[in-house]
């Protein structure tokens, strides 16, 4: 297990909530660098010097900065490999694991944003996701093989997708079908998810008082 401090830059009620769940799943020690998004702290000069995109999550470990949610998940799950949430290089599941982590940012989010903004996707030859229906069916066909993305094995990819689908169905960006709902419930019912939610609720409540 790593002995060097790990800094986790986080805002409650944001994408970085999934990273907090992952850290709980991994049993990883970390220093919480909590920021108040409502107060504009992620757009302040101090944080922009760390991540010019002004986005969370971000982590710093041994002088290394990692941003972009899938990259953070890959880094952490490999760093705390003893937790078993990342198939190792050479494991037959490693390719599928990486595929679904990267699919989130390369296909799912771009498709979702275009659909929410009522924008036509780029032509198939240039669109990163092709079309929305194909993107979503590709995901749900995989979920149907369940109970998790890689079948019986729960991985960091499920933390990412369970939290992403929870938010997007909550805001009606994705339909909460029985298949998707059952998957979300399985992921969020885990003790690590409950711990992270309780911590974030307390953090958000404290920030609201300021």
C-alpha atoms as a PDB file:
ATOM      1  CA  UNK A   1       0.000   0.000   0.000  1.00  0.00           C
ATOM      2  CA  UNK A   2       1.352   3.471  -0.849  1.00  0.00           C
ATOM      3  CA  UNK A   3       2.758   5.431   2.070  1.00  0.00           C
ATOM      4  CA  UNK A   4       2.957   8.852   0.402  1.00  0.00           C
ATOM      5  CA  UNK A   5       0.067  11.252   1.059  1.00  0.00           C
ATOM      6  CA  UNK A   6      -2.672  11.342  -1.549  1.00  0.00           C
ATOM      7  CA  UNK A   7      -4.509  14.622  -2.034  1.00  0.00           C
ATOM      8  CA  UNK A   8      -8.068  14.435  -3.346  1.00  0.00           C
ATOM      9  CA  UNK A   9      -9.619  17.629  -4.736  1.00  0.00           C
ATOM     10  CA  UNK A  10     -13.363  17.313  -4.365  1.00  0.00           C
ATOM     11  CA  UNK A  11     -16.688  19.133  -4.352  1.00  0.00           C
ATOM     12  CA  UNK A  12     -19.833  17.530  -2.930  1.00  0.00           C
ATOM     13  CA  UNK A  13     -22.687  16.957  -5.375  1.00  0.00           C
ATOM     14  CA  UNK A  14     -20.329  16.790  -8.325  1.00  0.00           C
ATOM     15  CA  UNK A  15     -18.668  14.191 -10.545  1.00  0.00           C
ATOM     16  CA  UNK A  16     -15.982  13.712  -7.934  1.00  0.00           C
ATOM     17  CA  UNK A  17     -18.512  11.991  -5.675  1.00  0.00           C
ATOM     18  CA  UNK A  18     -17.763   8.796  -7.569  1.00  0.00           C
ATOM     19  CA  UNK A  19     -14.085   9.148  -6.748  1.00  0.00           C
ATOM     20  CA  UNK A  20     -14.913   9.474  -3.067  1.00  0.00           C
ATOM     21  CA  UNK A  21     -16.883   6.231  -3.266  1.00  0.00           C
ATOM     22  CA  UNK A  22     -13.953   4.576  -5.023  1.00  0.00           C
ATOM     23  CA  UNK A  23     -11.537   5.742  -2.312  1.00  0.00           C
ATOM     24  CA  UNK A  24     -13.856   4.205   0.288  1.00  0.00           C
ATOM     25  CA  UNK A  25     -14.061   0.969  -1.705  1.00  0.00           C
ATOM     26  CA  UNK A  26     -10.265   0.852  -1.903  1.00  0.00           C
ATOM     27  CA  UNK A  27      -9.765   1.647   1.766  1.00  0.00           C
ATOM     28  CA  UNK A  28      -7.345   4.337   0.599  1.00  0.00           C
ATOM     29  CA  UNK A  29      -6.028   6.977   3.007  1.00  0.00           C
ATOM     30  CA  UNK A  30      -6.247  10.463   1.556  1.00  0.00           C
ATOM     31  CA  UNK A  31      -6.157  14.142   2.424  1.00  0.00           C
ATOM     32  CA  UNK A  32      -9.433  15.742   1.417  1.00  0.00           C
ATOM     33  CA  UNK A  33      -9.008  19.055  -0.371  1.00  0.00           C
ATOM     34  CA  UNK A  34     -12.647  20.127  -0.171  1.00  0.00           C
ATOM     35  CA  UNK A  35     -13.821  23.010  -2.312  1.00  0.00           C
ATOM     36  CA  UNK A  36     -17.105  24.838  -2.543  1.00  0.00           C
ATOM     37  CA  UNK A  37     -18.267  24.881  -6.152  1.00  0.00           C
ATOM     38  CA  UNK A  38     -21.161  27.221  -5.348  1.00  0.00           C
ATOM     39  CA  UNK A  39     -18.648  29.738  -4.027  1.00  0.00           C
ATOM     40  CA  UNK A  40     -16.640  29.470  -7.239  1.00  0.00           C
ATOM     41  CA  UNK A  41     -13.590  27.910  -5.629  1.00  0.00           C
ATOM     42  CA  UNK A  42     -12.935  25.552  -8.546  1.00  0.00           C
ATOM     43  CA  UNK A  43     -12.559  28.628 -10.769  1.00  0.00           C
ATOM     44  CA  UNK A  44     -10.234  30.450  -8.408  1.00  0.00           C
ATOM     45  CA  UNK A  45      -6.595  31.067  -9.274  1.00  0.00           C
ATOM     46  CA  UNK A  46      -5.296  28.604  -6.681  1.00  0.00           C
ATOM     47  CA  UNK A  47      -7.187  25.677  -8.119  1.00  0.00           C
ATOM     48  CA  UNK A  48      -6.736  26.696 -11.751  1.00  0.00           C
ATOM     49  CA  UNK A  49      -2.993  26.508 -11.097  1.00  0.00           C
ATOM     50  CA  UNK A  50      -3.555  22.827 -10.283  1.00  0.00           C
ATOM     51  CA  UNK A  51      -6.132  22.031 -12.954  1.00  0.00           C
ATOM     52  CA  UNK A  52      -6.600  24.747 -15.590  1.00  0.00           C
ATOM     53  CA  UNK A  53      -9.901  23.104 -16.583  1.00  0.00           C
ATOM     54  CA  UNK A  54     -11.342  23.993 -13.190  1.00  0.00           C
ATOM     55  CA  UNK A  55     -12.883  20.535 -12.874  1.00  0.00           C
ATOM     56  CA  UNK A  56     -12.987  17.882 -10.192  1.00  0.00           C
ATOM     57  CA  UNK A  57     -11.938  15.247  -9.392  1.00  0.00           C
ATOM     58  CA  UNK A  58      -8.197  15.719  -9.342  1.00  0.00           C
ATOM     59  CA  UNK A  59      -5.597  13.897  -7.292  1.00  0.00           C
ATOM     60  CA  UNK A  60      -1.978  14.566  -6.455  1.00  0.00           C
ATOM     61  CA  UNK A  61       0.302  11.724  -5.446  1.00  0.00           C
ATOM     62  CA  UNK A  62       4.086  11.789  -5.157  1.00  0.00           C
ATOM     63  CA  UNK A  63       4.259  14.944  -7.238  1.00  0.00           C
ATOM     64  CA  UNK A  64       2.011  13.497  -9.940  1.00  0.00           C
ATOM     65  CA  UNK A  65      -1.223  15.237 -10.904  1.00  0.00           C
ATOM     66  CA  UNK A  66      -4.039  13.128 -12.335  1.00  0.00           C
ATOM     67  CA  UNK A  67      -7.230  14.685 -13.686  1.00  0.00           C
ATOM     68  CA  UNK A  68     -10.097  13.366 -15.840  1.00  0.00           C
ATOM     69  CA  UNK A  69     -12.404  10.984 -14.054  1.00  0.00           C
ATOM     70  CA  UNK A  70     -11.555   7.740 -15.904  1.00  0.00           C
ATOM     71  CA  UNK A  71      -7.815   8.425 -15.553  1.00  0.00           C
ATOM     72  CA  UNK A  72      -8.256   9.040 -11.825  1.00  0.00           C
ATOM     73  CA  UNK A  73     -10.122   5.735 -11.491  1.00  0.00           C
ATOM     74  CA  UNK A  74      -7.478   3.799 -13.425  1.00  0.00           C
ATOM     75  CA  UNK A  75      -4.682   5.349 -11.380  1.00  0.00           C
ATOM     76  CA  UNK A  76      -6.285   4.755  -7.993  1.00  0.00           C
ATOM     77  CA  UNK A  77      -7.490   1.209  -8.623  1.00  0.00           C
ATOM     78  CA  UNK A  78      -4.019   0.210  -9.848  1.00  0.00           C
ATOM     79  CA  UNK A  79      -2.292   2.066  -7.008  1.00  0.00           C
ATOM     80  CA  UNK A  80      -4.370   0.204  -4.415  1.00  0.00           C
ATOM     81  CA  UNK A  81      -4.352  -3.063  -6.336  1.00  0.00           C
ATOM     82  CA  UNK A  82      -4.705  -5.159  -3.182  1.00  0.00           C
ATOM     83  CA  UNK A  83      -8.385  -4.152  -3.093  1.00  0.00           C
ATOM     84  CA  UNK A  84      -8.951  -6.176  -6.272  1.00  0.00           C
ATOM     85  CA  UNK A  85     -10.995  -3.550  -8.110  1.00  0.00           C
ATOM     86  CA  UNK A  86      -8.798  -3.521 -11.219  1.00  0.00           C
ATOM     87  CA  UNK A  87      -7.984  -6.585 -13.322  1.00  0.00           C
ATOM     88  CA  UNK A  88      -4.202  -6.709 -13.604  1.00  0.00           C
ATOM     89  CA  UNK A  89      -2.308  -6.483 -16.877  1.00  0.00           C
ATOM     90  CA  UNK A  90      -2.453  -9.995 -18.312  1.00  0.00           C
ATOM     91  CA  UNK A  91      -5.878 -10.687 -16.815  1.00  0.00           C
ATOM     92  CA  UNK A  92      -8.364 -11.496 -19.631  1.00  0.00           C
ATOM     93  CA  UNK A  93     -10.772  -8.939 -18.129  1.00  0.00           C
ATOM     94  CA  UNK A  94      -8.276  -6.060 -18.296  1.00  0.00           C
ATOM     95  CA  UNK A  95      -9.223  -5.013 -21.828  1.00  0.00           C
ATOM     96  CA  UNK A  96     -12.953  -4.872 -21.126  1.00  0.00           C
ATOM     97  CA  UNK A  97     -12.286  -3.044 -17.861  1.00  0.00           C
ATOM     98  CA  UNK A  98     -10.318  -0.307 -19.633  1.00  0.00           C
ATOM     99  CA  UNK A  99     -12.845  -0.187 -22.447  1.00  0.00           C
ATOM    100  CA  UNK A 100     -15.747   0.633 -20.155  1.00  0.00           C
ATOM    101  CA  UNK A 101     -13.840   3.165 -18.116  1.00  0.00           C
ATOM    102  CA  UNK A 102     -12.849   5.067 -21.263  1.00  0.00           C
ATOM    103  CA  UNK A 103     -16.263   4.629 -22.942  1.00  0.00           C
ATOM    104  CA  UNK A 104     -17.722   6.892 -20.276  1.00  0.00           C
ATOM    105  CA  UNK A 105     -15.756   9.976 -21.308  1.00  0.00           C
ATOM    106  CA  UNK A 106     -15.250   9.233 -24.979  1.00  0.00           C
ATOM    107  CA  UNK A 107     -18.822   8.234 -25.884  1.00  0.00           C
ATOM    108  CA  UNK A 108     -21.361   8.509 -23.067  1.00  0.00           C
ATOM    109  CA  UNK A 109     -20.814  12.087 -21.899  1.00  0.00           C
ATOM    110  CA  UNK A 110     -20.475  13.632 -25.387  1.00  0.00           C
ATOM    111  CA  UNK A 111     -23.652  11.862 -26.518  1.00  0.00           C
ATOM    112  CA  UNK A 112     -25.497  12.925 -23.394  1.00  0.00           C
ATOM    113  CA  UNK A 113     -24.492  16.569 -23.706  1.00  0.00           C
ATOM    114  CA  UNK A 114     -25.491  16.743 -27.364  1.00  0.00           C
ATOM    115  CA  UNK A 115     -28.856  15.190 -26.553  1.00  0.00           C
ATOM    116  CA  UNK A 116     -29.485  17.452 -23.546  1.00  0.00           C
ATOM    117  CA  UNK A 117     -28.611  20.527 -25.599  1.00  0.00           C
ATOM    118  CA  UNK A 118     -30.792  19.281 -28.469  1.00  0.00           C
ATOM    119  CA  UNK A 119     -27.817  19.383 -30.823  1.00  0.00           C
ATOM    120  CA  UNK A 120     -27.430  17.147 -33.809  1.00  0.00           C
ATOM    121  CA  UNK A 121     -24.381  14.900 -33.496  1.00  0.00           C
ATOM    122  CA  UNK A 122     -21.514  15.330 -35.890  1.00  0.00           C
ATOM    123  CA  UNK A 123     -21.563  13.106 -38.990  1.00  0.00           C
ATOM    124  CA  UNK A 124     -20.853   9.448 -38.083  1.00  0.00           C
ATOM    125  CA  UNK A 125     -17.356   9.624 -39.550  1.00  0.00           C
ATOM    126  CA  UNK A 126     -16.376  12.378 -37.119  1.00  0.00           C
ATOM    127  CA  UNK A 127     -18.683  11.865 -34.110  1.00  0.00           C
ATOM    128  CA  UNK A 128     -16.875  10.260 -31.152  1.00  0.00           C
ATOM    129  CA  UNK A 129     -19.965   8.226 -30.306  1.00  0.00           C
ATOM    130  CA  UNK A 130     -21.789   7.675 -33.608  1.00  0.00           C
ATOM    131  CA  UNK A 131     -25.380   8.181 -32.476  1.00  0.00           C
ATOM    132  CA  UNK A 132     -27.063   8.277 -29.076  1.00  0.00           C
ATOM    133  CA  UNK A 133     -29.241   5.184 -29.452  1.00  0.00           C
ATOM    134  CA  UNK A 134     -26.337   2.996 -30.538  1.00  0.00           C
ATOM    135  CA  UNK A 135     -24.179   4.325 -27.717  1.00  0.00           C
ATOM    136  CA  UNK A 136     -26.809   3.599 -25.074  1.00  0.00           C
ATOM    137  CA  UNK A 137     -27.665   0.163 -26.477  1.00  0.00           C
ATOM    138  CA  UNK A 138     -23.978  -0.751 -26.449  1.00  0.00           C
ATOM    139  CA  UNK A 139     -23.909   0.067 -22.738  1.00  0.00           C
ATOM    140  CA  UNK A 140     -27.198  -1.593 -21.798  1.00  0.00           C
ATOM    141  CA  UNK A 141     -26.339  -4.752 -23.741  1.00  0.00           C
ATOM    142  CA  UNK A 142     -23.266  -5.025 -21.535  1.00  0.00           C
ATOM    143  CA  UNK A 143     -25.228  -4.328 -18.343  1.00  0.00           C
ATOM    144  CA  UNK A 144     -27.704  -7.050 -19.304  1.00  0.00           C
ATOM    145  CA  UNK A 145     -24.933  -9.619 -18.943  1.00  0.00           C
ATOM    146  CA  UNK A 146     -24.590  -8.486 -15.265  1.00  0.00           C
ATOM    147  CA  UNK A 147     -24.780  -8.286 -12.432  1.00  0.00           C
ATOM    148  CA  UNK A 148     -21.813  -5.979 -13.095  1.00  0.00           C
ATOM    149  CA  UNK A 149     -20.113  -4.648 -16.216  1.00  0.00           C
ATOM    150  CA  UNK A 150     -17.625  -7.511 -16.184  1.00  0.00           C
ATOM    151  CA  UNK A 151     -20.154 -10.131 -15.180  1.00  0.00           C
ATOM    152  CA  UNK A 152     -19.763 -11.424 -11.640  1.00  0.00           C
ATOM    153  CA  UNK A 153     -16.704  -9.290 -10.907  1.00  0.00           C
ATOM    154  CA  UNK A 154     -17.233  -5.879  -9.328  1.00  0.00           C
ATOM    155  CA  UNK A 155     -14.585  -3.338 -10.375  1.00  0.00           C
ATOM    156  CA  UNK A 156     -13.803   0.355 -10.279  1.00  0.00           C
ATOM    157  CA  UNK A 157     -15.673   0.638 -13.577  1.00  0.00           C
ATOM    158  CA  UNK A 158     -18.904  -0.141 -11.740  1.00  0.00           C
ATOM    159  CA  UNK A 159     -18.281   2.678  -9.276  1.00  0.00           C
ATOM    160  CA  UNK A 160     -17.913   5.056 -12.203  1.00  0.00           C
ATOM    161  CA  UNK A 161     -20.992   3.839 -14.065  1.00  0.00           C
ATOM    162  CA  UNK A 162     -23.201   3.323 -11.027  1.00  0.00           C
ATOM    163  CA  UNK A 163     -22.702   6.914  -9.917  1.00  0.00           C
ATOM    164  CA  UNK A 164     -22.868   8.348 -13.446  1.00  0.00           C
ATOM    165  CA  UNK A 165     -26.117   6.576 -14.234  1.00  0.00           C
ATOM    166  CA  UNK A 166     -27.569   7.550 -10.876  1.00  0.00           C
ATOM    167  CA  UNK A 167     -27.029  11.245 -11.614  1.00  0.00           C
ATOM    168  CA  UNK A 168     -28.107  11.119 -15.227  1.00  0.00           C
ATOM    169  CA  UNK A 169     -31.315   9.221 -14.477  1.00  0.00           C
ATOM    170  CA  UNK A 170     -32.037  11.512 -11.543  1.00  0.00           C
ATOM    171  CA  UNK A 171     -31.975  14.490 -13.913  1.00  0.00           C
ATOM    172  CA  UNK A 172     -33.958  12.601 -16.577  1.00  0.00           C
ATOM    173  CA  UNK A 173     -31.060  12.642 -19.029  1.00  0.00           C
ATOM    174  CA  UNK A 174     -31.185   8.844 -19.242  1.00  0.00           C
ATOM    175  CA  UNK A 175     -34.321   6.781 -18.788  1.00  0.00           C
ATOM    176  CA  UNK A 176     -34.260   4.746 -15.573  1.00  0.00           C
ATOM    177  CA  UNK A 177     -35.296   1.435 -17.062  1.00  0.00           C
ATOM    178  CA  UNK A 178     -35.599  -1.637 -14.804  1.00  0.00           C
ATOM    179  CA  UNK A 179     -32.206  -2.829 -16.055  1.00  0.00           C
ATOM    180  CA  UNK A 180     -30.445   0.470 -15.380  1.00  0.00           C
ATOM    181  CA  UNK A 181     -32.262   1.019 -12.080  1.00  0.00           C
ATOM    182  CA  UNK A 182     -31.334  -2.407 -10.749  1.00  0.00           C
ATOM    183  CA  UNK A 183     -27.694  -1.831 -11.668  1.00  0.00           C
ATOM    184  CA  UNK A 184     -27.609   1.563  -9.939  1.00  0.00           C
ATOM    185  CA  UNK A 185     -29.199   0.075  -6.825  1.00  0.00           C
ATOM    186  CA  UNK A 186     -26.629  -2.741  -6.666  1.00  0.00           C
ATOM    187  CA  UNK A 187     -23.725  -0.328  -6.833  1.00  0.00           C
ATOM    188  CA  UNK A 188     -25.123   2.262  -4.420  1.00  0.00           C
ATOM    189  CA  UNK A 189     -26.208  -0.360  -1.878  1.00  0.00           C
ATOM    190  CA  UNK A 190     -22.577  -1.209  -1.155  1.00  0.00           C
ATOM    191  CA  UNK A 191     -21.276  -0.038   2.263  1.00  0.00           C
ATOM    192  CA  UNK A 192     -18.561   2.134   0.685  1.00  0.00           C
ATOM    193  CA  UNK A 193     -21.159   4.081  -1.274  1.00  0.00           C
ATOM    194  CA  UNK A 194     -23.223   4.641   1.869  1.00  0.00           C
ATOM    195  CA  UNK A 195     -20.161   5.899   3.772  1.00  0.00           C
ATOM    196  CA  UNK A 196     -19.193   8.284   0.987  1.00  0.00           C
ATOM    197  CA  UNK A 197     -22.743   9.629   0.699  1.00  0.00           C
ATOM    198  CA  UNK A 198     -22.887  10.324   4.439  1.00  0.00           C
ATOM    199  CA  UNK A 199     -19.541  12.134   4.329  1.00  0.00           C
ATOM    200  CA  UNK A 200     -20.636  14.229   1.362  1.00  0.00           C
ATOM    201  CA  UNK A 201     -23.983  15.115   2.917  1.00  0.00           C
ATOM    202  CA  UNK A 202     -22.178  16.411   5.991  1.00  0.00           C
ATOM    203  CA  UNK A 203     -19.666  18.310   3.854  1.00  0.00           C
ATOM    204  CA  UNK A 204     -22.386  19.905   1.713  1.00  0.00           C
ATOM    205  CA  UNK A 205     -24.399  20.887   4.784  1.00  0.00           C
ATOM    206  CA  UNK A 206     -21.326  22.502   6.334  1.00  0.00           C
ATOM    207  CA  UNK A 207     -20.561  24.430   3.152  1.00  0.00           C
ATOM    208  CA  UNK A 208     -24.125  25.674   2.926  1.00  0.00           C
ATOM    209  CA  UNK A 209     -23.758  27.273   6.361  1.00  0.00           C
ATOM    210  CA  UNK A 210     -20.872  29.450   5.205  1.00  0.00           C
END
